[in-house]
């Protein structure tokens, strides 16, 4: 676990002298080095997209329930997805859409969307029947005002603005949007995910599953066997999250933390549904913004409210990839959690998202530009992301 792939029992993953991102940093480095064309990763709160941004490759997190998780040791069941990394969007799009991976229901994965639900969702979306995705002409991108945070590096902010301006020149329309609950999303995530992890990992006690401490008898008294095996089997970051999750699920803390975090999650999903043109096929009724909640910075498209958009456009991470030496040894734990601030909201809502390389002025390395779409709009998202990536590649 962790945003920098530094907690593996095999040692830290290195992208040269820089962090490879986490926790699927190994997959991102393998793609970046040309060792593989396509790599699997797991994305719970950004663990495919963040490594993609740090390593200069493409990272795709599908809609929740699209790609089978069978064989994955669960971290947070309600958030976990299997994602893909590649040098370009085309390879991912051909695998997911061209080869029909989106349509494959896996009975072995209880979170895999049923075949009937997949068909019903696809009928309301473009791109799944083999039709060609149009260019950027008429596509509307939203720039979330709440993502312009204090921690966002100025060079990343400038690159984001330059990318938006370039897309506007190419026929797309870029408008500001508001996602009011975003500022609470990261806090909610770091309550929900550790809580689910503490439950999922409880079986790895060194007796039924996991590592057993050497020299400890099965008949050890006072919990010695359990304590020794439990402590030996997990790294420091995993222990930290298990302890945090165990506390938030305790009777003293559940109401104040876990239940409130779940309420925030529902508000995050509602914010996304309000700004997208497309309806969420999993929701019977679609909500619109109460105009009294809107920021004065958001222009009204009509008396009915602000503009609705096709996709959201934002940085994948608030900073460039840090040096590996600056993130090892337990330093900057809270800073590492902040790296997920732009990726977590889409995970909480179960939405598809793609990180593509974004040029940064004065830097040989790229940052990540993230596109987020409505639920099950993966085919169109990948088609548009391929066009965006091609445009940005031409500006380098």
Protein backbone atom coordinates (compact mmCIF):
# COMPACT_ATOMS: atom_id res chain seq x y z
CA UNK A 1 0.00 0.00 0.00
CA UNK A 2 1.05 3.60 -0.40
CA UNK A 3 1.43 6.30 -3.03
CA UNK A 4 5.09 5.65 -3.87
CA UNK A 5 5.55 1.83 -4.05
CA UNK A 6 8.15 2.02 -1.29
CA UNK A 7 6.60 -0.52 1.09
CA UNK A 8 7.14 -3.75 -0.83
CA UNK A 9 9.01 -6.60 0.83
CA UNK A 10 11.23 -6.55 -2.29
CA UNK A 11 12.19 -2.91 -1.73
CA UNK A 12 11.12 0.34 -3.36
CA UNK A 13 10.19 0.56 -7.03
CA UNK A 14 12.37 3.14 -8.78
CA UNK A 15 11.64 5.25 -11.83
CA UNK A 16 15.23 6.36 -12.15
CA UNK A 17 15.86 8.57 -9.12
CA UNK A 18 12.14 9.43 -8.89
CA UNK A 19 9.16 7.81 -7.23
CA UNK A 20 7.23 5.48 -9.52
CA UNK A 21 3.98 6.31 -7.76
CA UNK A 22 1.89 3.67 -6.08
CA UNK A 23 0.74 1.22 -5.45
CA UNK A 24 0.99 -0.13 -9.01
CA UNK A 25 4.36 1.53 -9.59
CA UNK A 26 5.98 -1.68 -10.79
CA UNK A 27 3.47 -2.00 -13.62
CA UNK A 28 4.02 1.63 -14.65
CA UNK A 29 7.82 1.26 -14.72
CA UNK A 30 7.57 -1.96 -16.75
CA UNK A 31 5.48 -0.11 -19.34
CA UNK A 32 7.69 2.99 -19.31
CA UNK A 33 10.81 0.85 -19.84
CA UNK A 34 9.23 -0.95 -22.79
CA UNK A 35 9.33 -4.33 -21.05
CA UNK A 36 5.61 -4.87 -21.70
CA UNK A 37 3.01 -3.31 -23.98
CA UNK A 38 0.18 -3.49 -21.48
CA UNK A 39 0.21 -3.99 -17.71
CA UNK A 40 -2.37 -4.74 -15.06
CA UNK A 41 -2.67 -2.65 -11.93
CA UNK A 42 -5.14 -2.17 -9.12
CA UNK A 43 -6.72 1.24 -8.54
CA UNK A 44 -8.55 1.82 -5.26
CA UNK A 45 -7.96 5.55 -4.86
CA UNK A 46 -5.55 6.31 -7.70
CA UNK A 47 -3.01 3.49 -7.65
CA UNK A 48 -3.01 3.12 -11.45
CA UNK A 49 -3.42 6.77 -12.39
CA UNK A 50 -0.78 8.16 -10.03
CA UNK A 51 2.00 5.79 -11.23
CA UNK A 52 1.00 6.60 -14.82
CA UNK A 53 1.41 10.32 -14.12
CA UNK A 54 4.78 9.85 -12.42
CA UNK A 55 6.17 7.51 -15.10
CA UNK A 56 4.90 9.32 -18.19
CA UNK A 57 2.50 6.60 -19.38
CA UNK A 58 -1.27 6.17 -19.67
CA UNK A 59 -3.26 4.77 -16.76
CA UNK A 60 -6.93 3.76 -16.98
CA UNK A 61 -9.34 3.09 -14.11
CA UNK A 62 -12.58 1.58 -15.44
CA UNK A 63 -16.09 2.09 -14.15
CA UNK A 64 -16.56 0.11 -10.95
CA UNK A 65 -17.66 -3.43 -11.77
CA UNK A 66 -16.45 -3.46 -15.39
CA UNK A 67 -13.20 -5.46 -15.23
CA UNK A 68 -13.06 -8.63 -13.18
CA UNK A 69 -11.23 -8.49 -9.84
CA UNK A 70 -11.05 -12.27 -9.50
CA UNK A 71 -7.66 -13.19 -8.04
CA UNK A 72 -7.03 -9.81 -6.43
CA UNK A 73 -6.51 -9.79 -2.67
CA UNK A 74 -9.14 -7.21 -1.66
CA UNK A 75 -8.09 -3.94 -0.07
CA UNK A 76 -11.38 -2.00 -0.04
CA UNK A 77 -14.17 -3.95 -1.72
CA UNK A 78 -16.39 -0.99 -2.50
CA UNK A 79 -13.52 0.88 -4.20
CA UNK A 80 -11.16 -1.68 -5.73
CA UNK A 81 -10.86 -1.84 -9.52
CA UNK A 82 -8.45 -3.54 -11.89
CA UNK A 83 -6.93 -1.02 -14.29
CA UNK A 84 -4.60 -1.00 -17.28
CA UNK A 85 -1.39 0.86 -18.11
CA UNK A 86 0.18 1.34 -21.55
CA UNK A 87 2.42 3.75 -23.48
CA UNK A 88 -0.62 5.13 -25.31
CA UNK A 89 -4.40 5.17 -25.00
CA UNK A 90 -4.88 3.19 -28.21
CA UNK A 91 -3.67 -0.11 -26.76
CA UNK A 92 -6.01 0.19 -23.79
CA UNK A 93 -8.98 1.23 -25.94
CA UNK A 94 -8.45 -1.68 -28.34
CA UNK A 95 -8.34 -4.12 -25.42
CA UNK A 96 -11.36 -2.77 -23.51
CA UNK A 97 -13.61 -1.72 -26.41
CA UNK A 98 -12.19 -3.38 -29.53
CA UNK A 99 -11.85 -6.83 -28.01
CA UNK A 100 -14.99 -6.48 -25.92
CA UNK A 101 -13.41 -6.74 -22.49
CA UNK A 102 -16.11 -4.34 -21.23
CA UNK A 103 -18.81 -6.94 -21.93
CA UNK A 104 -17.29 -9.84 -19.99
CA UNK A 105 -19.16 -10.73 -16.83
CA UNK A 106 -17.21 -12.92 -14.39
CA UNK A 107 -19.34 -15.05 -12.08
CA UNK A 108 -16.31 -15.54 -9.82
CA UNK A 109 -16.21 -11.84 -8.98
CA UNK A 110 -19.23 -10.74 -6.88
CA UNK A 111 -18.64 -7.09 -7.84
CA UNK A 112 -18.64 -7.81 -11.60
CA UNK A 113 -21.65 -6.13 -13.21
CA UNK A 114 -24.11 -8.66 -14.60
CA UNK A 115 -24.38 -9.29 -18.33
CA UNK A 116 -27.88 -7.77 -18.43
CA UNK A 117 -26.76 -4.64 -16.56
CA UNK A 118 -23.79 -4.26 -18.91
CA UNK A 119 -26.06 -4.44 -21.94
CA UNK A 120 -28.51 -1.96 -20.44
CA UNK A 121 -25.75 0.53 -19.56
CA UNK A 122 -24.08 0.20 -22.99
CA UNK A 123 -27.35 0.94 -24.79
CA UNK A 124 -27.31 4.42 -23.25
CA UNK A 125 -23.70 5.11 -24.28
CA UNK A 126 -21.72 5.71 -27.47
CA UNK A 127 -18.82 3.60 -28.67
CA UNK A 128 -19.75 0.10 -27.58
CA UNK A 129 -21.45 -0.92 -30.84
CA UNK A 130 -18.34 -0.32 -32.92
CA UNK A 131 -19.18 3.23 -34.00
CA UNK A 132 -16.23 5.60 -34.32
CA UNK A 133 -15.87 8.17 -31.56
CA UNK A 134 -16.00 11.69 -32.99
CA UNK A 135 -13.22 14.21 -32.44
CA UNK A 136 -13.20 16.98 -29.88
CA UNK A 137 -15.57 19.25 -31.82
CA UNK A 138 -18.46 20.04 -29.51
CA UNK A 139 -17.08 18.05 -26.56
CA UNK A 140 -17.48 20.00 -23.34
CA UNK A 141 -14.84 19.71 -20.61
CA UNK A 142 -15.37 20.92 -17.07
CA UNK A 143 -12.60 22.43 -14.94
CA UNK A 144 -13.49 21.80 -11.27
CA UNK A 145 -12.86 25.00 -9.32
CA UNK A 146 -12.31 23.04 -6.12
CA UNK A 147 -9.29 21.26 -7.68
CA UNK A 148 -7.34 24.52 -7.74
CA UNK A 149 -5.96 23.80 -4.27
CA UNK A 150 -3.17 25.48 -2.34
CA UNK A 151 -0.97 22.37 -2.62
CA UNK A 152 -1.10 22.42 -6.44
CA UNK A 153 2.35 23.26 -7.77
CA UNK A 154 2.33 26.42 -9.95
CA UNK A 155 3.98 24.57 -12.86
CA UNK A 156 1.26 21.90 -12.73
CA UNK A 157 -1.42 24.60 -12.60
CA UNK A 158 0.11 26.33 -15.61
CA UNK A 159 0.34 23.06 -17.55
CA UNK A 160 -3.31 22.30 -16.74
CA UNK A 161 -4.37 25.74 -17.98
CA UNK A 162 -2.26 25.39 -21.13
CA UNK A 163 -3.78 21.97 -21.89
CA UNK A 164 -7.30 23.35 -21.44
CA UNK A 165 -6.53 26.29 -23.73
CA UNK A 166 -5.13 23.96 -26.38
CA UNK A 167 -8.26 21.78 -26.31
CA UNK A 168 -10.39 24.90 -26.63
CA UNK A 169 -8.41 25.85 -29.75
CA UNK A 170 -9.11 22.40 -31.21
CA UNK A 171 -12.88 22.81 -31.06
CA UNK A 172 -13.71 21.61 -27.57
CA UNK A 173 -15.47 23.85 -25.09
CA UNK A 174 -13.92 24.28 -21.64
CA UNK A 175 -16.08 25.65 -18.81
CA UNK A 176 -15.68 25.96 -15.01
CA UNK A 177 -17.77 23.61 -12.87
CA UNK A 178 -18.23 23.13 -9.16
CA UNK A 179 -17.94 19.94 -7.11
CA UNK A 180 -18.58 21.33 -3.61
CA UNK A 181 -18.00 18.09 -1.67
CA UNK A 182 -14.57 17.49 -3.24
CA UNK A 183 -12.78 19.13 -0.33
CA UNK A 184 -14.08 16.37 1.96
CA UNK A 185 -13.49 13.45 -0.42
CA UNK A 186 -9.91 12.65 0.64
CA UNK A 187 -10.82 12.57 4.32
CA UNK A 188 -13.78 10.29 3.61
CA UNK A 189 -11.59 7.97 1.53
CA UNK A 190 -9.01 7.57 4.30
CA UNK A 191 -11.79 6.52 6.65
CA UNK A 192 -13.64 4.13 4.33
CA UNK A 193 -10.66 2.39 2.68
CA UNK A 194 -8.73 1.55 5.89
CA UNK A 195 -11.96 0.38 7.53
CA UNK A 196 -12.61 -2.08 4.70
CA UNK A 197 -8.93 -3.08 4.68
CA UNK A 198 -8.93 -3.90 8.38
CA UNK A 199 -11.91 -6.18 7.82
CA UNK A 200 -10.54 -7.80 4.66
CA UNK A 201 -7.08 -8.43 6.10
CA UNK A 202 -8.30 -9.85 9.42
CA UNK A 203 -8.00 -13.40 8.05
CA UNK A 204 -4.24 -12.97 7.51
CA UNK A 205 -3.44 -13.90 11.09
CA UNK A 206 -0.58 -16.35 10.49
CA UNK A 207 -2.82 -19.30 11.37
CA UNK A 208 -5.33 -19.57 8.55
CA UNK A 209 -3.59 -17.30 6.03
CA UNK A 210 -0.47 -15.21 5.86
CA UNK A 211 2.99 -15.43 7.43
CA UNK A 212 3.58 -17.34 10.65
CA UNK A 213 6.27 -16.09 13.01
CA UNK A 214 9.18 -18.52 13.26
CA UNK A 215 9.68 -20.25 16.60
CA UNK A 216 6.19 -19.59 17.92
CA UNK A 217 4.20 -22.61 19.03
CA UNK A 218 0.63 -23.20 17.97
CA UNK A 219 -0.21 -23.49 21.64
CA UNK A 220 1.32 -20.14 22.54
CA UNK A 221 -0.63 -18.46 25.34
CA UNK A 222 -1.73 -14.88 25.72
CA UNK A 223 -2.02 -14.20 22.01
CA UNK A 224 1.76 -14.42 21.46
CA UNK A 225 1.47 -16.42 18.24
CA UNK A 226 -1.18 -14.13 16.81
CA UNK A 227 0.59 -10.91 17.80
CA UNK A 228 3.97 -12.06 16.53
CA UNK A 229 2.60 -13.38 13.23
CA UNK A 230 0.36 -10.38 12.69
CA UNK A 231 3.22 -7.97 13.26
CA UNK A 232 5.63 -9.88 11.04
CA UNK A 233 3.27 -10.33 8.11
CA UNK A 234 2.55 -6.66 7.35
CA UNK A 235 4.67 -3.66 6.52
CA UNK A 236 4.48 -0.33 8.31
CA UNK A 237 2.01 1.33 5.94
CA UNK A 238 -0.35 -1.67 5.98
CA UNK A 239 -0.20 -1.75 9.80
CA UNK A 240 -0.96 1.96 9.92
CA UNK A 241 -4.06 1.56 7.77
CA UNK A 242 -5.29 -1.54 9.60
CA UNK A 243 -5.02 0.28 12.94
CA UNK A 244 -6.79 3.34 11.54
CA UNK A 245 -9.54 1.17 10.07
CA UNK A 246 -9.97 -0.84 13.26
CA UNK A 247 -10.45 2.36 15.21
CA UNK A 248 -12.99 3.88 12.82
CA UNK A 249 -15.05 0.65 12.98
CA UNK A 250 -15.02 0.58 16.78
CA UNK A 251 -18.28 1.25 18.59
CA UNK A 252 -16.89 4.52 19.97
CA UNK A 253 -15.89 5.94 16.60
CA UNK A 254 -18.17 4.41 13.94
CA UNK A 255 -20.89 7.07 14.09
CA UNK A 256 -18.45 9.98 14.04
CA UNK A 257 -16.18 8.64 11.32
CA UNK A 258 -17.30 5.69 9.21
CA UNK A 259 -20.98 6.58 8.85
CA UNK A 260 -20.23 10.24 8.18
CA UNK A 261 -17.64 9.25 5.57
CA UNK A 262 -20.27 7.16 3.80
CA UNK A 263 -22.60 10.17 3.79
CA UNK A 264 -19.83 12.29 2.23
CA UNK A 265 -19.36 9.58 -0.41
CA UNK A 266 -23.00 9.88 -1.44
CA UNK A 267 -22.61 13.65 -1.76
CA UNK A 268 -19.48 13.22 -3.91
CA UNK A 269 -21.39 10.94 -6.28
CA UNK A 270 -24.26 13.43 -6.36
CA UNK A 271 -21.90 16.27 -7.32
CA UNK A 272 -20.60 14.29 -10.29
CA UNK A 273 -24.11 13.36 -11.45
CA UNK A 274 -25.11 17.02 -11.36
CA UNK A 275 -22.32 18.26 -13.62
CA UNK A 276 -22.40 15.53 -16.29
CA UNK A 277 -24.63 15.75 -19.36
CA UNK A 278 -25.25 12.02 -19.28
CA UNK A 279 -27.44 10.47 -16.62
CA UNK A 280 -26.03 7.87 -14.27
CA UNK A 281 -27.64 4.56 -15.37
CA UNK A 282 -27.49 3.28 -11.79
CA UNK A 283 -29.63 6.15 -10.48
CA UNK A 284 -33.38 6.25 -11.02
CA UNK A 285 -33.64 9.99 -10.50
CA UNK A 286 -31.08 12.61 -11.53
CA UNK A 287 -30.54 15.65 -9.35
CA UNK A 288 -29.77 19.21 -10.35
CA UNK A 289 -27.87 21.79 -8.34
CA UNK A 290 -29.68 24.04 -5.91
CA UNK A 291 -28.60 27.41 -7.31
CA UNK A 292 -28.10 28.71 -3.76
CA UNK A 293 -25.24 26.20 -3.42
CA UNK A 294 -23.41 27.43 -6.51
CA UNK A 295 -20.21 29.45 -6.38
CA UNK A 296 -20.36 32.95 -7.85
CA UNK A 297 -17.50 31.89 -10.16
CA UNK A 298 -19.75 29.45 -12.05
CA UNK A 299 -21.56 31.07 -15.02
CA UNK A 300 -25.18 30.09 -15.61
CA UNK A 301 -25.89 28.57 -19.03
CA UNK A 302 -29.55 29.41 -18.61
CA UNK A 303 -32.00 30.23 -15.88
CA UNK A 304 -32.10 26.52 -15.14
CA UNK A 305 -28.50 26.40 -13.99
CA UNK A 306 -24.85 26.01 -15.03
CA UNK A 307 -23.50 24.16 -18.06
CA UNK A 308 -23.36 20.38 -17.98
CA UNK A 309 -20.23 18.70 -19.33
CA UNK A 310 -19.12 15.49 -21.01
CA UNK A 311 -15.88 15.04 -19.09
CA UNK A 312 -13.92 16.62 -16.28
CA UNK A 313 -10.34 17.76 -16.86
CA UNK A 314 -7.86 18.10 -14.01
CA UNK A 315 -4.29 17.20 -13.00
CA UNK A 316 -3.73 13.61 -11.91
CA UNK A 317 -1.46 14.67 -9.04
CA UNK A 318 -0.79 18.06 -7.44
CA UNK A 319 2.99 17.73 -7.88
CA UNK A 320 5.61 16.30 -10.19
CA UNK A 321 7.07 12.94 -9.19
CA UNK A 322 9.23 13.49 -6.09
CA UNK A 323 12.69 12.01 -5.72
CA UNK A 324 12.67 8.54 -4.23
CA UNK A 325 15.08 9.54 -1.47
CA UNK A 326 12.55 12.12 -0.28
CA UNK A 327 9.71 9.62 0.20
CA UNK A 328 11.52 6.62 1.73
CA UNK A 329 12.10 5.90 5.38
CA UNK A 330 8.62 6.89 6.51
CA UNK A 331 9.08 10.56 5.71
CA UNK A 332 6.17 12.64 4.48
CA UNK A 333 3.38 10.17 5.29
CA UNK A 334 0.66 12.84 5.23
CA UNK A 335 2.16 14.42 2.12
CA UNK A 336 1.91 11.03 0.39
CA UNK A 337 -1.80 10.86 1.24
CA UNK A 338 -2.27 14.30 -0.34
CA UNK A 339 -1.05 12.90 -3.68
CA UNK A 340 -4.44 11.15 -4.00
CA UNK A 341 -6.50 14.33 -3.70
CA UNK A 342 -7.43 14.47 -7.42
CA UNK A 343 -7.86 10.72 -7.98
CA UNK A 344 -9.94 9.77 -4.94
CA UNK A 345 -13.23 11.54 -5.87
CA UNK A 346 -13.74 9.45 -9.04
CA UNK A 347 -12.96 6.31 -7.02
CA UNK A 348 -15.55 7.17 -4.37
CA UNK A 349 -18.15 7.64 -7.13
CA UNK A 350 -17.09 4.52 -9.10
CA UNK A 351 -16.44 6.55 -12.26
CA UNK A 352 -14.03 5.81 -15.13
CA UNK A 353 -10.88 7.96 -15.36
CA UNK A 354 -7.77 8.11 -17.55
CA UNK A 355 -4.42 9.76 -16.87
CA UNK A 356 -2.48 10.83 -19.97
CA UNK A 357 0.99 12.47 -20.11
CA UNK A 358 0.84 16.26 -19.90
CA UNK A 359 3.83 18.41 -20.94
CA UNK A 360 5.16 20.84 -18.33
CA UNK A 361 7.06 23.90 -19.50
CA UNK A 362 10.76 23.75 -18.62
CA UNK A 363 10.59 20.04 -17.70
CA UNK A 364 11.78 17.05 -19.69
CA UNK A 365 9.44 14.90 -17.62
CA UNK A 366 5.68 15.02 -18.02
CA UNK A 367 2.94 15.28 -15.42
CA UNK A 368 -0.47 13.63 -15.63
CA UNK A 369 -3.70 15.08 -17.02
CA UNK A 370 -6.80 13.25 -15.81
CA UNK A 371 -10.08 12.88 -17.70
CA UNK A 372 -13.10 11.69 -15.73
CA UNK A 373 -16.35 10.48 -17.31
CA UNK A 374 -19.84 9.50 -16.23
CA UNK A 375 -20.46 5.89 -15.16
CA UNK A 376 -20.06 3.36 -18.00
CA UNK A 377 -19.02 6.06 -20.48
CA UNK A 378 -15.65 4.30 -20.73
CA UNK A 379 -15.74 3.79 -24.52
CA UNK A 380 -16.23 7.47 -25.27
CA UNK A 381 -13.81 8.48 -22.50
CA UNK A 382 -11.03 6.35 -24.02
CA UNK A 383 -11.74 7.68 -27.51
CA UNK A 384 -11.60 11.30 -26.34
CA UNK A 385 -8.54 10.60 -24.17
CA UNK A 386 -6.75 9.25 -27.25
CA UNK A 387 -7.50 12.48 -29.12
CA UNK A 388 -6.42 14.63 -26.15
CA UNK A 389 -3.21 12.66 -25.73
CA UNK A 390 -2.37 13.10 -29.41
CA UNK A 391 -2.91 16.86 -29.17
CA UNK A 392 -0.76 17.20 -26.06
CA UNK A 393 1.96 15.05 -27.61
CA UNK A 394 2.12 17.54 -30.47
CA UNK A 395 2.79 20.42 -28.05
CA UNK A 396 5.91 18.85 -26.53
